[in-house]
């Protein structure tokens, strides 16, 4: 074979290897987005000119004291367990504003919730001033990405106020 033919075959083989080794698909995947909105009373810290947190405005993860978010899946039929319960791939840094699992979630219908966690990993809920949307029902299919769209999280407390 001439040198040009060998180069063409090498490029073709390299391309095939890259295309076939992209993603391990063992189930479905889930993508979720979130936005934090301040729902408490306006807050001005002594020594600051502008309010730190304004009702109805976005609030940073730091001021909301939220470090990460975690998906929780409740199978709607059968007695299956939450595939996200012990999977670190279902936990996302709050500042990322989006999280996507790998393709590992078994097919089926699930009630899907989003939980907020403080820097110590403790669950934050209404008693801590954090309200997340109600669970949504989605069907997970093998090899498909299920999008949960944007979830608005209301935060009633502002760090430092």
N, C-alpha and C. Protein backbone atom coordinates (compact mmCIF):
# COMPACT_ATOMS: atom_id res chain seq x y z
N UNK A 1 0.85 -1.17 0.00
CA UNK A 1 0.00 0.00 0.00
C UNK A 1 0.90 1.23 0.00
N UNK A 2 0.50 2.26 -0.76
CA UNK A 2 1.31 3.47 -0.83
C UNK A 2 1.15 4.29 0.45
N UNK A 3 2.07 5.21 0.73
CA UNK A 3 2.04 5.99 1.97
C UNK A 3 0.73 6.79 2.14
N UNK A 4 0.18 7.31 1.06
CA UNK A 4 -1.06 8.08 1.15
C UNK A 4 -2.22 7.17 1.56
N UNK A 5 -2.22 5.94 1.06
CA UNK A 5 -3.28 4.99 1.43
C UNK A 5 -3.18 4.61 2.90
N UNK A 6 -1.96 4.44 3.41
CA UNK A 6 -1.78 4.11 4.82
C UNK A 6 -2.26 5.25 5.73
N UNK A 7 -1.99 6.49 5.34
CA UNK A 7 -2.44 7.64 6.12
C UNK A 7 -3.96 7.69 6.13
N UNK A 8 -4.60 7.45 4.98
CA UNK A 8 -6.07 7.49 4.90
C UNK A 8 -6.70 6.42 5.78
N UNK A 9 -6.12 5.21 5.75
CA UNK A 9 -6.65 4.12 6.57
C UNK A 9 -6.45 4.45 8.05
N UNK A 10 -5.32 5.01 8.42
CA UNK A 10 -5.06 5.38 9.81
C UNK A 10 -6.05 6.43 10.30
N UNK A 11 -6.33 7.41 9.47
CA UNK A 11 -7.28 8.45 9.85
C UNK A 11 -8.68 7.85 9.98
N UNK A 12 -9.06 6.97 9.09
CA UNK A 12 -10.37 6.33 9.13
C UNK A 12 -10.52 5.49 10.40
N UNK A 13 -9.50 4.70 10.74
CA UNK A 13 -9.55 3.87 11.95
C UNK A 13 -9.61 4.73 13.22
N UNK A 14 -8.82 5.79 13.26
CA UNK A 14 -8.83 6.67 14.43
C UNK A 14 -10.20 7.31 14.59
N UNK A 15 -10.83 7.74 13.50
CA UNK A 15 -12.16 8.33 13.56
C UNK A 15 -13.19 7.34 14.07
N UNK A 16 -13.12 6.09 13.63
CA UNK A 16 -14.07 5.08 14.09
C UNK A 16 -13.90 4.82 15.59
N UNK A 17 -12.66 4.80 16.07
CA UNK A 17 -12.43 4.56 17.49
C UNK A 17 -13.01 5.68 18.34
N UNK A 18 -12.82 6.93 17.89
CA UNK A 18 -13.33 8.06 18.65
C UNK A 18 -14.86 8.07 18.67
N UNK A 19 -15.49 7.73 17.56
CA UNK A 19 -16.95 7.80 17.49
C UNK A 19 -17.60 6.70 18.31
N UNK A 20 -16.99 5.56 18.45
CA UNK A 20 -17.63 4.46 19.16
C UNK A 20 -17.37 4.45 20.66
N UNK A 21 -16.46 5.28 21.16
CA UNK A 21 -16.11 5.25 22.58
C UNK A 21 -16.52 6.52 23.30
N UNK A 22 -17.64 7.11 22.91
CA UNK A 22 -18.04 8.39 23.50
C UNK A 22 -18.69 8.25 24.86
N UNK A 23 -19.78 7.49 24.95
CA UNK A 23 -20.57 7.46 26.17
C UNK A 23 -21.00 6.04 26.47
N UNK A 24 -20.87 5.64 27.73
CA UNK A 24 -21.38 4.35 28.18
C UNK A 24 -22.87 4.50 28.47
N UNK A 25 -23.71 3.76 27.79
CA UNK A 25 -25.16 3.88 27.95
C UNK A 25 -25.69 2.62 28.62
N UNK A 26 -26.06 2.78 29.91
CA UNK A 26 -26.61 1.65 30.67
C UNK A 26 -28.04 1.94 31.11
N UNK A 27 -28.61 3.04 30.64
CA UNK A 27 -29.97 3.44 31.00
C UNK A 27 -30.25 4.81 30.44
N UNK A 28 -31.13 5.55 31.09
CA UNK A 28 -31.45 6.91 30.67
C UNK A 28 -30.67 7.92 31.50
N UNK A 29 -30.69 9.19 31.06
CA UNK A 29 -30.01 10.27 31.78
C UNK A 29 -31.02 11.38 32.06
N UNK A 30 -30.69 12.22 33.03
CA UNK A 30 -31.57 13.32 33.42
C UNK A 30 -30.76 14.61 33.46
N UNK A 31 -31.35 15.67 32.89
CA UNK A 31 -30.74 16.99 32.96
C UNK A 31 -31.69 17.92 33.70
N UNK A 32 -31.14 18.72 34.61
CA UNK A 32 -31.95 19.65 35.40
C UNK A 32 -31.23 20.99 35.47
N UNK A 33 -32.00 22.05 35.45
CA UNK A 33 -31.48 23.42 35.61
C UNK A 33 -32.20 24.05 36.78
N UNK A 34 -31.56 25.03 37.41
CA UNK A 34 -32.21 25.70 38.54
C UNK A 34 -31.81 27.16 38.59
N UNK A 35 -32.65 27.93 39.26
CA UNK A 35 -32.42 29.34 39.49
C UNK A 35 -32.89 29.64 40.90
N UNK A 36 -32.12 30.41 41.64
CA UNK A 36 -32.47 30.78 43.01
C UNK A 36 -33.03 32.19 43.04
N UNK A 37 -34.18 32.35 43.71
CA UNK A 37 -34.80 33.66 43.83
C UNK A 37 -35.04 33.97 45.30
N UNK A 38 -34.74 35.21 45.69
CA UNK A 38 -34.92 35.60 47.08
C UNK A 38 -36.39 35.92 47.32
N UNK A 39 -36.96 35.31 48.35
CA UNK A 39 -38.36 35.51 48.67
C UNK A 39 -38.59 36.13 50.03
N UNK A 40 -37.52 36.50 50.71
CA UNK A 40 -37.64 37.09 52.04
C UNK A 40 -37.78 38.60 51.97
N UNK A 41 -37.75 39.21 53.13
CA UNK A 41 -37.79 40.67 53.21
C UNK A 41 -36.44 41.23 52.78
N UNK A 42 -36.43 42.44 52.25
CA UNK A 42 -35.19 43.08 51.83
C UNK A 42 -34.18 43.12 52.97
N UNK A 43 -32.92 43.03 52.63
CA UNK A 43 -31.89 42.92 53.65
C UNK A 43 -30.74 43.85 53.29
N UNK A 44 -30.43 44.77 54.19
CA UNK A 44 -29.27 45.64 54.03
C UNK A 44 -28.35 45.40 55.22
N UNK A 45 -27.12 45.13 54.95
CA UNK A 45 -26.13 44.86 55.99
C UNK A 45 -25.48 46.18 56.39
N UNK A 46 -25.30 46.42 57.68
CA UNK A 46 -24.63 47.66 58.11
C UNK A 46 -23.28 47.83 57.40
N UNK A 47 -23.05 49.02 56.88
CA UNK A 47 -21.80 49.30 56.18
C UNK A 47 -21.91 49.10 54.67
N UNK A 48 -23.02 48.52 54.18
CA UNK A 48 -23.22 48.35 52.74
C UNK A 48 -24.26 49.36 52.27
N UNK A 49 -24.03 49.95 51.10
CA UNK A 49 -24.95 50.95 50.56
C UNK A 49 -26.18 50.30 49.91
N UNK A 50 -25.96 49.23 49.20
CA UNK A 50 -27.04 48.56 48.47
C UNK A 50 -27.56 47.37 49.26
N UNK A 51 -28.84 47.05 49.12
CA UNK A 51 -29.37 45.85 49.79
C UNK A 51 -28.64 44.60 49.32
N UNK A 52 -28.36 43.71 50.23
CA UNK A 52 -27.67 42.47 49.90
C UNK A 52 -28.62 41.53 49.16
N UNK A 53 -29.85 41.45 49.63
CA UNK A 53 -30.85 40.57 49.02
C UNK A 53 -32.15 41.36 48.85
N UNK A 54 -32.71 41.32 47.65
CA UNK A 54 -33.94 42.04 47.34
C UNK A 54 -35.00 41.04 46.92
N UNK A 55 -36.17 41.13 47.55
CA UNK A 55 -37.27 40.22 47.26
C UNK A 55 -37.57 40.20 45.75
N UNK A 56 -37.66 38.99 45.20
CA UNK A 56 -37.95 38.81 43.79
C UNK A 56 -36.73 38.77 42.88
N UNK A 57 -35.56 39.12 43.41
CA UNK A 57 -34.33 39.09 42.61
C UNK A 57 -33.62 37.75 42.78
N UNK A 58 -32.73 37.48 41.85
CA UNK A 58 -31.89 36.29 41.99
C UNK A 58 -30.98 36.45 43.20
N UNK A 59 -30.63 35.30 43.76
CA UNK A 59 -29.71 35.27 44.90
C UNK A 59 -28.61 34.25 44.59
N UNK A 60 -27.40 34.56 44.99
CA UNK A 60 -26.29 33.64 44.73
C UNK A 60 -26.40 32.42 45.65
N UNK A 61 -25.77 31.35 45.22
CA UNK A 61 -25.73 30.13 46.03
C UNK A 61 -25.06 30.40 47.37
N UNK A 62 -24.02 31.22 47.38
CA UNK A 62 -23.30 31.53 48.62
C UNK A 62 -24.22 32.24 49.61
N UNK A 63 -24.94 33.27 49.16
CA UNK A 63 -25.83 34.00 50.06
C UNK A 63 -27.02 33.15 50.50
N UNK A 64 -27.41 32.18 49.67
CA UNK A 64 -28.51 31.28 50.02
C UNK A 64 -28.03 30.13 50.91
N UNK A 65 -26.71 30.00 51.08
CA UNK A 65 -26.10 28.92 51.86
C UNK A 65 -26.39 27.54 51.26
N UNK A 66 -26.47 27.49 49.94
CA UNK A 66 -26.70 26.23 49.23
C UNK A 66 -25.42 25.89 48.48
N UNK A 67 -24.84 24.73 48.77
CA UNK A 67 -23.60 24.34 48.08
C UNK A 67 -23.85 23.38 46.94
N UNK A 68 -24.88 22.53 47.08
CA UNK A 68 -25.13 21.55 46.02
C UNK A 68 -26.61 21.19 45.97
N UNK A 69 -26.98 20.55 44.87
CA UNK A 69 -28.33 20.06 44.68
C UNK A 69 -28.25 18.59 44.32
N UNK A 70 -29.27 17.83 44.71
CA UNK A 70 -29.27 16.39 44.47
C UNK A 70 -30.64 15.97 43.93
N UNK A 71 -30.60 15.11 42.94
CA UNK A 71 -31.83 14.53 42.41
C UNK A 71 -32.26 13.37 43.30
N UNK A 72 -33.57 13.22 43.47
CA UNK A 72 -34.15 12.07 44.17
C UNK A 72 -35.23 11.50 43.25
N UNK A 73 -35.16 10.21 42.99
CA UNK A 73 -36.11 9.54 42.08
C UNK A 73 -36.94 8.53 42.85
N UNK A 74 -38.24 8.64 42.71
CA UNK A 74 -39.17 7.71 43.34
C UNK A 74 -39.85 6.91 42.24
N UNK A 75 -39.56 5.61 42.13
CA UNK A 75 -40.24 4.79 41.11
C UNK A 75 -41.75 4.78 41.38
N UNK A 76 -42.53 4.98 40.32
CA UNK A 76 -43.98 5.05 40.50
C UNK A 76 -44.64 3.68 40.52
N UNK A 77 -43.99 2.69 39.94
CA UNK A 77 -44.56 1.35 39.91
C UNK A 77 -43.54 0.36 40.45
N UNK A 78 -44.00 -0.61 41.17
CA UNK A 78 -43.09 -1.60 41.75
C UNK A 78 -42.48 -1.07 43.02
N UNK A 79 -41.54 -1.81 43.52
CA UNK A 79 -40.90 -1.44 44.79
C UNK A 79 -39.44 -1.10 44.60
N UNK A 80 -39.12 -0.51 43.45
CA UNK A 80 -37.73 -0.18 43.16
C UNK A 80 -37.18 0.89 44.09
N UNK A 81 -35.87 0.96 44.14
CA UNK A 81 -35.18 1.94 44.98
C UNK A 81 -34.79 3.16 44.15
N UNK A 82 -34.46 4.23 44.82
CA UNK A 82 -34.00 5.45 44.17
C UNK A 82 -32.62 5.20 43.57
N UNK A 83 -32.48 5.20 42.24
CA UNK A 83 -31.16 4.97 41.65
C UNK A 83 -30.16 6.08 41.95
N UNK A 84 -30.64 7.23 42.42
CA UNK A 84 -29.75 8.34 42.76
C UNK A 84 -29.33 8.35 44.22
N UNK A 85 -29.92 7.47 45.03
CA UNK A 85 -29.67 7.50 46.48
C UNK A 85 -28.19 7.41 46.82
N UNK A 86 -27.45 6.56 46.16
CA UNK A 86 -26.03 6.39 46.48
C UNK A 86 -25.13 6.70 45.29
N UNK A 87 -25.64 7.47 44.33
CA UNK A 87 -24.87 7.78 43.13
C UNK A 87 -24.43 9.25 43.17
N UNK A 88 -23.14 9.46 43.28
CA UNK A 88 -22.59 10.82 43.34
C UNK A 88 -22.87 11.61 42.06
N UNK A 89 -23.19 10.93 40.97
CA UNK A 89 -23.48 11.59 39.70
C UNK A 89 -24.83 12.29 39.69
N UNK A 90 -25.58 12.17 40.78
CA UNK A 90 -26.88 12.85 40.90
C UNK A 90 -26.77 14.10 41.78
N UNK A 91 -25.55 14.45 42.16
CA UNK A 91 -25.32 15.63 43.00
C UNK A 91 -24.51 16.64 42.19
N UNK A 92 -24.97 17.90 42.23
CA UNK A 92 -24.38 18.92 41.37
C UNK A 92 -24.04 20.17 42.19
N UNK A 93 -22.95 20.82 41.83
CA UNK A 93 -22.56 22.07 42.50
C UNK A 93 -23.60 23.14 42.19
N UNK A 94 -24.02 23.86 43.21
CA UNK A 94 -25.08 24.87 43.05
C UNK A 94 -24.70 25.92 42.01
N UNK A 95 -23.46 26.40 42.05
CA UNK A 95 -23.04 27.47 41.15
C UNK A 95 -23.09 27.07 39.68
N UNK A 96 -23.13 25.78 39.38
CA UNK A 96 -23.17 25.33 37.99
C UNK A 96 -24.49 25.67 37.31
N UNK A 97 -25.57 25.75 38.08
CA UNK A 97 -26.92 26.07 37.58
C UNK A 97 -27.50 25.04 36.62
N UNK A 98 -26.77 23.95 36.38
CA UNK A 98 -27.26 22.86 35.54
C UNK A 98 -26.53 21.58 35.95
N UNK A 99 -27.23 20.48 35.86
CA UNK A 99 -26.61 19.19 36.16
C UNK A 99 -27.18 18.12 35.25
N UNK A 100 -26.33 17.21 34.83
CA UNK A 100 -26.74 16.10 33.97
C UNK A 100 -26.12 14.82 34.49
N UNK A 101 -26.96 13.82 34.69
CA UNK A 101 -26.45 12.51 35.12
C UNK A 101 -25.86 11.79 33.92
N UNK A 102 -25.15 10.73 34.18
CA UNK A 102 -24.73 9.85 33.09
C UNK A 102 -25.92 8.96 32.74
N UNK A 103 -25.78 8.15 31.73
CA UNK A 103 -26.86 7.27 31.27
C UNK A 103 -26.88 5.98 32.10
N UNK A 104 -27.40 6.08 33.32
CA UNK A 104 -27.43 4.91 34.21
C UNK A 104 -28.82 4.64 34.80
N UNK A 105 -29.76 5.57 34.66
CA UNK A 105 -31.06 5.45 35.32
C UNK A 105 -31.90 4.37 34.61
N UNK A 106 -32.36 3.36 35.35
CA UNK A 106 -33.18 2.31 34.73
C UNK A 106 -34.46 2.89 34.14
N UNK A 107 -34.91 2.27 33.05
CA UNK A 107 -36.16 2.71 32.41
C UNK A 107 -37.31 2.62 33.40
N UNK A 108 -38.25 3.54 33.26
CA UNK A 108 -39.44 3.51 34.09
C UNK A 108 -40.00 4.89 34.33
N UNK A 109 -41.12 4.93 35.04
CA UNK A 109 -41.76 6.19 35.41
C UNK A 109 -41.33 6.55 36.83
N UNK A 110 -40.92 7.82 37.00
CA UNK A 110 -40.40 8.28 38.29
C UNK A 110 -41.03 9.61 38.68
N UNK A 111 -41.18 9.80 39.97
CA UNK A 111 -41.40 11.12 40.53
C UNK A 111 -40.01 11.67 40.84
N UNK A 112 -39.66 12.79 40.23
CA UNK A 112 -38.29 13.30 40.35
C UNK A 112 -38.30 14.61 41.13
N UNK A 113 -37.52 14.63 42.20
CA UNK A 113 -37.41 15.80 43.08
C UNK A 113 -36.00 16.36 43.03
N UNK A 114 -35.90 17.62 43.36
CA UNK A 114 -34.61 18.29 43.47
C UNK A 114 -34.46 18.75 44.92
N UNK A 115 -33.37 18.35 45.57
CA UNK A 115 -33.11 18.71 46.96
C UNK A 115 -31.92 19.65 47.04
N UNK A 116 -31.98 20.58 47.99
CA UNK A 116 -30.87 21.51 48.20
C UNK A 116 -30.10 21.08 49.45
N UNK A 117 -28.77 21.25 49.39
CA UNK A 117 -27.90 20.85 50.50
C UNK A 117 -26.99 22.01 50.89
N UNK A 118 -26.76 22.15 52.20
CA UNK A 118 -25.85 23.20 52.67
C UNK A 118 -24.41 22.72 52.53
N UNK A 119 -23.42 23.57 52.86
CA UNK A 119 -22.02 23.15 52.71
C UNK A 119 -21.63 21.90 53.50
N UNK A 120 -22.38 21.56 54.55
CA UNK A 120 -22.11 20.34 55.32
C UNK A 120 -22.85 19.13 54.80
N UNK A 121 -23.61 19.29 53.71
CA UNK A 121 -24.35 18.18 53.13
C UNK A 121 -25.71 17.94 53.76
N UNK A 122 -26.17 18.85 54.62
CA UNK A 122 -27.48 18.70 55.26
C UNK A 122 -28.57 19.20 54.32
N UNK A 123 -29.67 18.49 54.30
CA UNK A 123 -30.82 18.84 53.48
C UNK A 123 -31.44 20.14 53.97
N UNK A 124 -31.73 21.05 53.03
CA UNK A 124 -32.39 22.31 53.35
C UNK A 124 -33.82 22.25 52.85
N UNK A 125 -34.76 22.64 53.70
CA UNK A 125 -36.17 22.63 53.32
C UNK A 125 -36.86 23.87 53.82
N UNK A 126 -38.19 23.85 53.83
CA UNK A 126 -38.96 25.03 54.26
C UNK A 126 -38.60 25.53 55.66
N UNK A 127 -38.27 24.63 56.59
CA UNK A 127 -37.92 25.09 57.93
C UNK A 127 -36.59 25.85 57.95
N UNK A 128 -35.77 25.67 56.91
CA UNK A 128 -34.52 26.42 56.77
C UNK A 128 -34.68 27.57 55.78
N UNK A 129 -35.91 27.82 55.33
CA UNK A 129 -36.18 28.93 54.42
C UNK A 129 -35.94 28.63 52.95
N UNK A 130 -35.98 27.36 52.55
CA UNK A 130 -35.75 26.99 51.15
C UNK A 130 -36.95 26.18 50.66
N UNK A 131 -37.55 26.64 49.56
CA UNK A 131 -38.68 25.93 48.97
C UNK A 131 -38.33 25.50 47.55
N UNK A 132 -38.39 24.20 47.31
CA UNK A 132 -38.11 23.65 45.98
C UNK A 132 -39.44 23.27 45.32
N UNK A 133 -39.45 23.13 43.99
CA UNK A 133 -40.68 22.73 43.31
C UNK A 133 -41.12 21.32 43.72
N UNK A 134 -42.39 21.06 43.54
CA UNK A 134 -42.93 19.72 43.78
C UNK A 134 -42.30 18.73 42.81
N UNK A 135 -42.30 17.44 43.15
CA UNK A 135 -41.77 16.45 42.22
C UNK A 135 -42.52 16.47 40.89
N UNK A 136 -41.80 16.17 39.82
CA UNK A 136 -42.41 16.04 38.50
C UNK A 136 -42.35 14.58 38.10
N UNK A 137 -43.32 14.15 37.32
CA UNK A 137 -43.35 12.77 36.84
C UNK A 137 -42.78 12.74 35.43
N UNK A 138 -41.80 11.87 35.23
CA UNK A 138 -41.20 11.71 33.91
C UNK A 138 -40.96 10.23 33.64
N UNK A 139 -41.02 9.89 32.37
CA UNK A 139 -40.68 8.53 31.94
C UNK A 139 -39.24 8.54 31.47
N UNK A 140 -38.43 7.68 32.05
CA UNK A 140 -37.02 7.56 31.67
C UNK A 140 -36.91 6.41 30.68
N UNK A 141 -36.22 6.66 29.57
CA UNK A 141 -36.04 5.63 28.55
C UNK A 141 -34.56 5.41 28.30
N UNK A 142 -34.22 4.18 28.04
CA UNK A 142 -32.83 3.78 27.78
C UNK A 142 -32.25 4.60 26.63
N UNK A 143 -31.09 5.21 26.88
CA UNK A 143 -30.38 5.94 25.83
C UNK A 143 -30.92 7.34 25.57
N UNK A 144 -31.93 7.77 26.31
CA UNK A 144 -32.50 9.10 26.09
C UNK A 144 -32.21 10.03 27.26
N UNK A 145 -32.10 11.31 26.94
CA UNK A 145 -31.90 12.35 27.96
C UNK A 145 -33.26 12.94 28.29
N UNK A 146 -33.62 12.92 29.58
CA UNK A 146 -34.87 13.49 30.05
C UNK A 146 -34.57 14.85 30.66
N UNK A 147 -35.23 15.89 30.13
CA UNK A 147 -34.98 17.25 30.56
C UNK A 147 -36.05 17.68 31.55
N UNK A 148 -35.63 18.17 32.72
CA UNK A 148 -36.57 18.66 33.73
C UNK A 148 -36.80 20.16 33.62
N UNK A 149 -36.21 20.81 32.63
CA UNK A 149 -36.35 22.24 32.43
C UNK A 149 -35.78 23.00 33.62
N UNK A 150 -36.20 24.26 33.81
CA UNK A 150 -35.65 25.10 34.88
C UNK A 150 -36.53 25.01 36.11
N UNK A 151 -35.92 24.80 37.26
CA UNK A 151 -36.62 24.74 38.54
C UNK A 151 -36.32 26.01 39.32
N UNK A 152 -37.38 26.72 39.72
CA UNK A 152 -37.21 27.94 40.51
C UNK A 152 -37.23 27.57 41.99
N UNK A 153 -36.15 27.90 42.67
CA UNK A 153 -36.01 27.63 44.10
C UNK A 153 -36.12 28.96 44.83
N UNK A 154 -37.07 29.02 45.77
CA UNK A 154 -37.30 30.24 46.54
C UNK A 154 -36.54 30.15 47.85
N UNK A 155 -35.74 31.18 48.15
CA UNK A 155 -34.91 31.22 49.36
C UNK A 155 -35.38 32.39 50.22
N UNK A 156 -35.73 32.09 51.45
CA UNK A 156 -36.26 33.13 52.37
C UNK A 156 -35.18 33.74 53.25
N UNK A 157 -34.00 33.13 53.29
CA UNK A 157 -32.95 33.65 54.15
C UNK A 157 -31.77 34.10 53.31
N UNK A 158 -31.05 35.09 53.82
CA UNK A 158 -29.90 35.65 53.11
C UNK A 158 -28.73 35.67 54.09
N UNK A 159 -27.65 34.97 53.74
CA UNK A 159 -26.50 34.87 54.62
C UNK A 159 -25.99 36.25 55.02
N UNK A 160 -25.79 36.46 56.29
CA UNK A 160 -25.27 37.73 56.78
C UNK A 160 -26.34 38.73 57.17
N UNK A 161 -27.60 38.39 56.98
CA UNK A 161 -28.69 39.32 57.34
C UNK A 161 -29.31 38.93 58.65
